[in-house]
């Protein structure tokens, strides 16, 4: 279970582009796990034996790199909520409170808000 405060995924002041960057970074987390792994362990799937990245002390861990494993032999790590948390924590919003104030002022001045 993921434990974080309500603020750990706060994306207040993030633009659409900022969110897109966060999502792309989160999607890359499993790839980074595979690339940086120094050990893999075999797991049985319904159709074959696959290798998943693991810590060196994990049961069944074998010292390997992703280059030692065929693409059809790799069991890709799943995307997890913690990948998104890590991505949000590593990103900074590009929208400032001054940008929001200017946008609200422009919206009010242009009559786009109807009461």
N, C-alpha and C. Protein backbone atom coordinates (compact mmCIF):
# COMPACT_ATOMS: atom_id res chain seq x y z
N UNK A 1 0.84 -1.18 0.00
CA UNK A 1 0.00 0.00 0.00
C UNK A 1 0.88 1.24 0.00
N UNK A 2 0.50 2.22 -0.75
CA UNK A 2 1.24 3.46 -0.84
C UNK A 2 0.85 4.35 0.32
N UNK A 3 1.84 4.87 1.01
CA UNK A 3 1.52 5.79 2.08
C UNK A 3 2.14 7.14 1.75
N UNK A 4 1.28 8.12 1.62
CA UNK A 4 1.75 9.48 1.41
C UNK A 4 0.64 10.41 1.86
N UNK A 5 1.04 11.62 2.20
CA UNK A 5 0.04 12.60 2.61
C UNK A 5 -0.74 13.05 1.39
N UNK A 6 -1.79 13.80 1.63
CA UNK A 6 -2.61 14.29 0.52
C UNK A 6 -1.81 15.20 -0.41
N UNK A 7 -0.74 15.80 0.11
CA UNK A 7 0.06 16.71 -0.69
C UNK A 7 1.07 16.01 -1.59
N UNK A 8 1.28 14.71 -1.39
CA UNK A 8 2.35 14.04 -2.16
C UNK A 8 2.05 14.02 -3.65
N UNK A 9 0.81 14.12 -4.04
CA UNK A 9 0.47 14.16 -5.46
C UNK A 9 -0.18 15.48 -5.85
N UNK A 10 0.06 16.51 -5.07
CA UNK A 10 -0.52 17.80 -5.39
C UNK A 10 0.07 18.33 -6.68
N UNK A 11 -0.79 18.60 -7.63
CA UNK A 11 -0.34 19.15 -8.91
C UNK A 11 -0.91 20.54 -9.12
N UNK A 12 -1.19 21.21 -8.03
CA UNK A 12 -1.67 22.59 -8.11
C UNK A 12 -0.61 23.41 -8.84
N UNK A 13 -1.00 24.24 -9.72
CA UNK A 13 -0.14 25.10 -10.53
C UNK A 13 0.58 24.37 -11.64
N UNK A 14 0.23 23.10 -11.90
CA UNK A 14 0.83 22.38 -13.02
C UNK A 14 -0.02 22.66 -14.26
N UNK A 15 0.65 22.95 -15.34
CA UNK A 15 -0.05 23.14 -16.61
C UNK A 15 -0.32 21.78 -17.23
N UNK A 16 -1.06 21.76 -18.32
CA UNK A 16 -1.29 20.51 -19.04
C UNK A 16 0.02 19.90 -19.51
N UNK A 17 0.93 20.75 -19.95
CA UNK A 17 2.25 20.27 -20.39
C UNK A 17 3.04 19.69 -19.21
N UNK A 18 2.92 20.33 -18.04
CA UNK A 18 3.59 19.80 -16.85
C UNK A 18 3.07 18.42 -16.51
N UNK A 19 1.76 18.23 -16.59
CA UNK A 19 1.15 16.93 -16.29
C UNK A 19 1.62 15.89 -17.31
N UNK A 20 1.69 16.28 -18.57
CA UNK A 20 2.17 15.36 -19.61
C UNK A 20 3.60 14.90 -19.32
N UNK A 21 4.44 15.81 -18.86
CA UNK A 21 5.82 15.47 -18.51
C UNK A 21 5.84 14.50 -17.33
N UNK A 22 5.00 14.75 -16.33
CA UNK A 22 4.93 13.86 -15.16
C UNK A 22 4.49 12.45 -15.59
N UNK A 23 3.49 12.38 -16.44
CA UNK A 23 3.00 11.07 -16.89
C UNK A 23 4.08 10.34 -17.68
N UNK A 24 4.77 11.04 -18.58
CA UNK A 24 5.85 10.40 -19.34
C UNK A 24 6.96 9.90 -18.43
N UNK A 25 7.29 10.70 -17.41
CA UNK A 25 8.33 10.29 -16.47
C UNK A 25 7.88 9.05 -15.69
N UNK A 26 6.63 9.05 -15.24
CA UNK A 26 6.11 7.88 -14.50
C UNK A 26 6.13 6.64 -15.38
N UNK A 27 5.77 6.78 -16.64
CA UNK A 27 5.78 5.64 -17.56
C UNK A 27 7.18 5.08 -17.78
N UNK A 28 8.18 5.92 -17.61
CA UNK A 28 9.56 5.48 -17.80
C UNK A 28 10.14 4.78 -16.56
N UNK A 29 9.49 4.91 -15.41
CA UNK A 29 10.03 4.32 -14.18
C UNK A 29 10.26 2.80 -14.31
N UNK A 30 9.30 2.02 -14.83
CA UNK A 30 9.57 0.59 -14.99
C UNK A 30 10.74 0.31 -15.93
N UNK A 31 10.90 1.12 -16.96
CA UNK A 31 12.03 0.95 -17.88
C UNK A 31 13.34 1.19 -17.14
N UNK A 32 13.36 2.23 -16.32
CA UNK A 32 14.56 2.53 -15.53
C UNK A 32 14.89 1.39 -14.58
N UNK A 33 13.84 0.79 -14.00
CA UNK A 33 14.08 -0.35 -13.09
C UNK A 33 14.77 -1.49 -13.83
N UNK A 34 14.33 -1.77 -15.03
CA UNK A 34 14.93 -2.85 -15.82
C UNK A 34 16.37 -2.49 -16.18
N UNK A 35 16.59 -1.29 -16.68
CA UNK A 35 17.92 -0.88 -17.14
C UNK A 35 18.93 -0.84 -16.00
N UNK A 36 18.49 -0.41 -14.82
CA UNK A 36 19.43 -0.27 -13.70
C UNK A 36 19.58 -1.55 -12.87
N UNK A 37 18.77 -2.55 -13.12
CA UNK A 37 18.82 -3.78 -12.33
C UNK A 37 20.14 -4.52 -12.54
N UNK A 38 20.67 -5.03 -11.44
CA UNK A 38 21.88 -5.85 -11.51
C UNK A 38 21.55 -7.32 -11.27
N UNK A 39 20.32 -7.58 -10.83
CA UNK A 39 19.88 -8.94 -10.55
C UNK A 39 18.45 -9.15 -11.05
N UNK A 40 18.19 -10.33 -11.52
CA UNK A 40 16.87 -10.73 -11.99
C UNK A 40 16.56 -12.08 -11.38
N UNK A 41 15.26 -12.35 -11.22
CA UNK A 41 14.87 -13.68 -10.75
C UNK A 41 13.88 -14.29 -11.73
N UNK A 42 13.94 -15.61 -11.85
CA UNK A 42 13.02 -16.27 -12.78
C UNK A 42 11.62 -16.36 -12.17
N UNK A 43 10.61 -16.16 -12.99
CA UNK A 43 9.23 -16.36 -12.57
C UNK A 43 8.53 -17.17 -13.65
N UNK A 44 7.63 -18.01 -13.22
CA UNK A 44 6.88 -18.81 -14.19
C UNK A 44 5.60 -18.09 -14.55
N UNK A 45 5.37 -17.98 -15.83
CA UNK A 45 4.11 -17.44 -16.34
C UNK A 45 3.34 -18.63 -16.90
N UNK A 46 2.08 -18.45 -17.23
CA UNK A 46 1.31 -19.57 -17.77
C UNK A 46 1.93 -20.18 -19.04
N UNK A 47 2.71 -19.40 -19.77
CA UNK A 47 3.24 -19.91 -21.05
C UNK A 47 4.74 -20.13 -21.07
N UNK A 48 5.50 -19.49 -20.16
CA UNK A 48 6.95 -19.62 -20.22
C UNK A 48 7.62 -19.15 -18.93
N UNK A 49 8.92 -19.26 -18.92
CA UNK A 49 9.73 -18.75 -17.83
C UNK A 49 10.19 -17.36 -18.22
N UNK A 50 10.01 -16.41 -17.34
CA UNK A 50 10.41 -15.02 -17.60
C UNK A 50 11.32 -14.56 -16.48
N UNK A 51 11.99 -13.45 -16.69
CA UNK A 51 12.89 -12.86 -15.70
C UNK A 51 12.36 -11.48 -15.30
N UNK A 52 12.35 -11.22 -14.00
CA UNK A 52 11.94 -9.90 -13.52
C UNK A 52 13.06 -9.29 -12.69
N UNK A 53 13.21 -7.96 -12.76
CA UNK A 53 14.26 -7.32 -11.96
C UNK A 53 13.96 -7.49 -10.48
N UNK A 54 15.02 -7.63 -9.69
CA UNK A 54 14.85 -7.78 -8.24
C UNK A 54 16.08 -7.24 -7.54
N UNK A 55 16.02 -7.20 -6.23
CA UNK A 55 17.18 -6.77 -5.45
C UNK A 55 18.16 -7.94 -5.35
N UNK A 56 19.43 -7.65 -5.11
CA UNK A 56 20.42 -8.72 -5.02
C UNK A 56 20.11 -9.77 -3.95
N UNK A 57 19.43 -9.37 -2.88
CA UNK A 57 19.13 -10.30 -1.80
C UNK A 57 17.83 -11.06 -1.94
N UNK A 58 17.11 -10.82 -3.02
CA UNK A 58 15.81 -11.48 -3.22
C UNK A 58 16.01 -12.98 -3.47
N UNK A 59 15.02 -13.74 -3.05
CA UNK A 59 15.08 -15.18 -3.27
C UNK A 59 15.14 -15.48 -4.77
N UNK A 60 16.08 -16.30 -5.16
CA UNK A 60 16.24 -16.68 -6.57
C UNK A 60 16.97 -15.67 -7.42
N UNK A 61 17.50 -14.61 -6.80
CA UNK A 61 18.19 -13.56 -7.56
C UNK A 61 19.42 -14.11 -8.27
N UNK A 62 19.56 -13.75 -9.52
CA UNK A 62 20.72 -14.14 -10.33
C UNK A 62 21.33 -12.85 -10.87
N UNK A 63 22.65 -12.75 -10.75
CA UNK A 63 23.31 -11.55 -11.25
C UNK A 63 23.25 -11.54 -12.77
N UNK A 64 22.52 -10.57 -13.31
CA UNK A 64 22.34 -10.40 -14.75
C UNK A 64 22.04 -8.93 -15.01
N UNK A 65 22.18 -8.55 -16.24
CA UNK A 65 21.71 -7.23 -16.65
C UNK A 65 20.62 -7.46 -17.71
N UNK A 66 19.93 -6.41 -18.06
CA UNK A 66 18.88 -6.56 -19.06
C UNK A 66 19.44 -7.00 -20.40
N UNK A 67 20.72 -6.76 -20.62
CA UNK A 67 21.35 -7.17 -21.88
C UNK A 67 21.51 -8.69 -21.96
N UNK A 68 21.47 -9.37 -20.80
CA UNK A 68 21.60 -10.82 -20.77
C UNK A 68 20.27 -11.53 -20.99
N UNK A 69 19.20 -10.77 -21.10
CA UNK A 69 17.85 -11.35 -21.18
C UNK A 69 17.23 -10.97 -22.52
N UNK A 70 16.67 -11.94 -23.18
CA UNK A 70 15.97 -11.68 -24.44
C UNK A 70 14.69 -10.89 -24.19
N UNK A 71 14.27 -10.10 -25.16
CA UNK A 71 13.06 -9.28 -24.98
C UNK A 71 11.83 -10.14 -24.70
N UNK A 72 11.79 -11.35 -25.26
CA UNK A 72 10.65 -12.23 -25.01
C UNK A 72 10.76 -12.95 -23.66
N UNK A 73 11.90 -12.80 -22.99
CA UNK A 73 12.10 -13.44 -21.68
C UNK A 73 11.88 -12.46 -20.53
N UNK A 74 11.69 -11.19 -20.82
CA UNK A 74 11.58 -10.17 -19.78
C UNK A 74 10.14 -10.03 -19.29
N UNK A 75 9.98 -10.05 -17.99
CA UNK A 75 8.68 -9.76 -17.38
C UNK A 75 8.77 -8.30 -16.92
N UNK A 76 8.10 -7.42 -17.64
CA UNK A 76 8.19 -5.99 -17.36
C UNK A 76 7.55 -5.66 -16.02
N UNK A 77 8.22 -4.81 -15.23
CA UNK A 77 7.61 -4.39 -13.97
C UNK A 77 6.33 -3.60 -14.24
N UNK A 78 5.32 -3.77 -13.42
CA UNK A 78 4.08 -3.01 -13.63
C UNK A 78 4.27 -1.54 -13.24
N UNK A 79 3.48 -0.68 -13.84
CA UNK A 79 3.45 0.72 -13.48
C UNK A 79 2.69 0.83 -12.17
N UNK A 80 3.25 1.54 -11.19
CA UNK A 80 2.65 1.63 -9.86
C UNK A 80 2.39 3.09 -9.49
N UNK A 81 1.54 3.25 -8.51
CA UNK A 81 1.24 4.60 -8.01
C UNK A 81 2.52 5.27 -7.52
N UNK A 82 3.42 4.50 -6.94
CA UNK A 82 4.67 5.08 -6.45
C UNK A 82 5.50 5.68 -7.59
N UNK A 83 5.33 5.17 -8.81
CA UNK A 83 6.02 5.74 -9.97
C UNK A 83 5.50 7.16 -10.25
N UNK A 84 4.20 7.36 -10.08
CA UNK A 84 3.62 8.69 -10.27
C UNK A 84 4.04 9.63 -9.14
N UNK A 85 4.06 9.11 -7.91
CA UNK A 85 4.50 9.94 -6.78
C UNK A 85 5.93 10.41 -7.01
N UNK A 86 6.80 9.51 -7.40
CA UNK A 86 8.20 9.85 -7.66
C UNK A 86 8.29 10.89 -8.78
N UNK A 87 7.49 10.72 -9.82
CA UNK A 87 7.52 11.66 -10.95
C UNK A 87 7.05 13.05 -10.53
N UNK A 88 5.97 13.12 -9.75
CA UNK A 88 5.46 14.42 -9.28
C UNK A 88 6.48 15.08 -8.36
N UNK A 89 7.09 14.30 -7.50
CA UNK A 89 8.07 14.87 -6.57
C UNK A 89 9.31 15.39 -7.30
N UNK A 90 9.59 14.85 -8.47
CA UNK A 90 10.75 15.30 -9.23
C UNK A 90 10.46 16.41 -10.22
N UNK A 91 9.20 16.78 -10.36
CA UNK A 91 8.81 17.81 -11.33
C UNK A 91 8.42 19.10 -10.62
N UNK A 92 8.62 20.17 -11.28
CA UNK A 92 8.22 21.47 -10.74
C UNK A 92 7.23 22.11 -11.70
N UNK A 93 6.18 22.74 -11.16
CA UNK A 93 5.20 23.38 -12.04
C UNK A 93 5.80 24.60 -12.73
N UNK A 94 5.29 24.87 -13.92
CA UNK A 94 5.76 26.05 -14.66
C UNK A 94 4.79 27.22 -14.53
N UNK A 95 3.65 26.98 -13.92
CA UNK A 95 2.64 28.03 -13.75
C UNK A 95 2.82 28.66 -12.36
N UNK A 96 2.96 29.97 -12.34
CA UNK A 96 3.11 30.67 -11.06
C UNK A 96 1.77 31.27 -10.63
N UNK A 97 1.71 31.66 -9.38
CA UNK A 97 0.47 32.31 -8.91
C UNK A 97 0.24 33.61 -9.66
N UNK A 98 1.30 34.27 -10.10
CA UNK A 98 1.17 35.50 -10.90
C UNK A 98 0.55 35.17 -12.25
N UNK A 99 0.92 34.05 -12.86
CA UNK A 99 0.31 33.63 -14.13
C UNK A 99 -1.19 33.40 -13.95
N UNK A 100 -1.57 32.75 -12.87
CA UNK A 100 -2.98 32.48 -12.60
C UNK A 100 -3.73 33.79 -12.40
N UNK A 101 -3.14 34.73 -11.64
CA UNK A 101 -3.77 36.02 -11.40
C UNK A 101 -3.98 36.77 -12.71
N UNK A 102 -2.98 36.77 -13.59
CA UNK A 102 -3.10 37.45 -14.88
C UNK A 102 -4.18 36.81 -15.75
N UNK A 103 -4.24 35.49 -15.73
CA UNK A 103 -5.26 34.79 -16.52
C UNK A 103 -6.66 35.12 -15.99
N UNK A 104 -6.83 35.11 -14.68
CA UNK A 104 -8.13 35.44 -14.10
C UNK A 104 -8.51 36.89 -14.42
N UNK A 105 -7.54 37.77 -14.35
CA UNK A 105 -7.79 39.18 -14.66
C UNK A 105 -8.21 39.33 -16.12
N UNK A 106 -7.51 38.66 -17.03
CA UNK A 106 -7.86 38.72 -18.45
C UNK A 106 -9.26 38.16 -18.68
N UNK A 107 -9.57 37.05 -18.02
CA UNK A 107 -10.89 36.44 -18.17
C UNK A 107 -11.97 37.39 -17.68
N UNK A 108 -11.75 38.02 -16.55
CA UNK A 108 -12.74 38.97 -16.02
C UNK A 108 -12.88 40.19 -16.94
N UNK A 109 -11.76 40.70 -17.46
CA UNK A 109 -11.79 41.87 -18.32
C UNK A 109 -12.43 41.58 -19.69
N UNK A 110 -12.27 40.40 -20.17
CA UNK A 110 -12.77 40.08 -21.51
C UNK A 110 -14.25 39.66 -21.48
N UNK A 111 -14.79 39.50 -20.30
CA UNK A 111 -16.20 39.15 -20.18
C UNK A 111 -16.49 37.68 -20.47
N UNK A 112 -15.47 36.86 -20.39
CA UNK A 112 -15.66 35.43 -20.64
C UNK A 112 -16.40 34.73 -19.52
N UNK A 113 -16.36 35.27 -18.34
CA UNK A 113 -17.12 34.67 -17.24
C UNK A 113 -18.50 35.30 -17.19
N UNK A 114 -19.52 34.50 -17.27
CA UNK A 114 -20.87 35.04 -17.17
C UNK A 114 -21.46 34.60 -15.85
N UNK A 115 -22.04 35.55 -15.15
CA UNK A 115 -22.59 35.26 -13.82
C UNK A 115 -24.03 34.88 -13.91
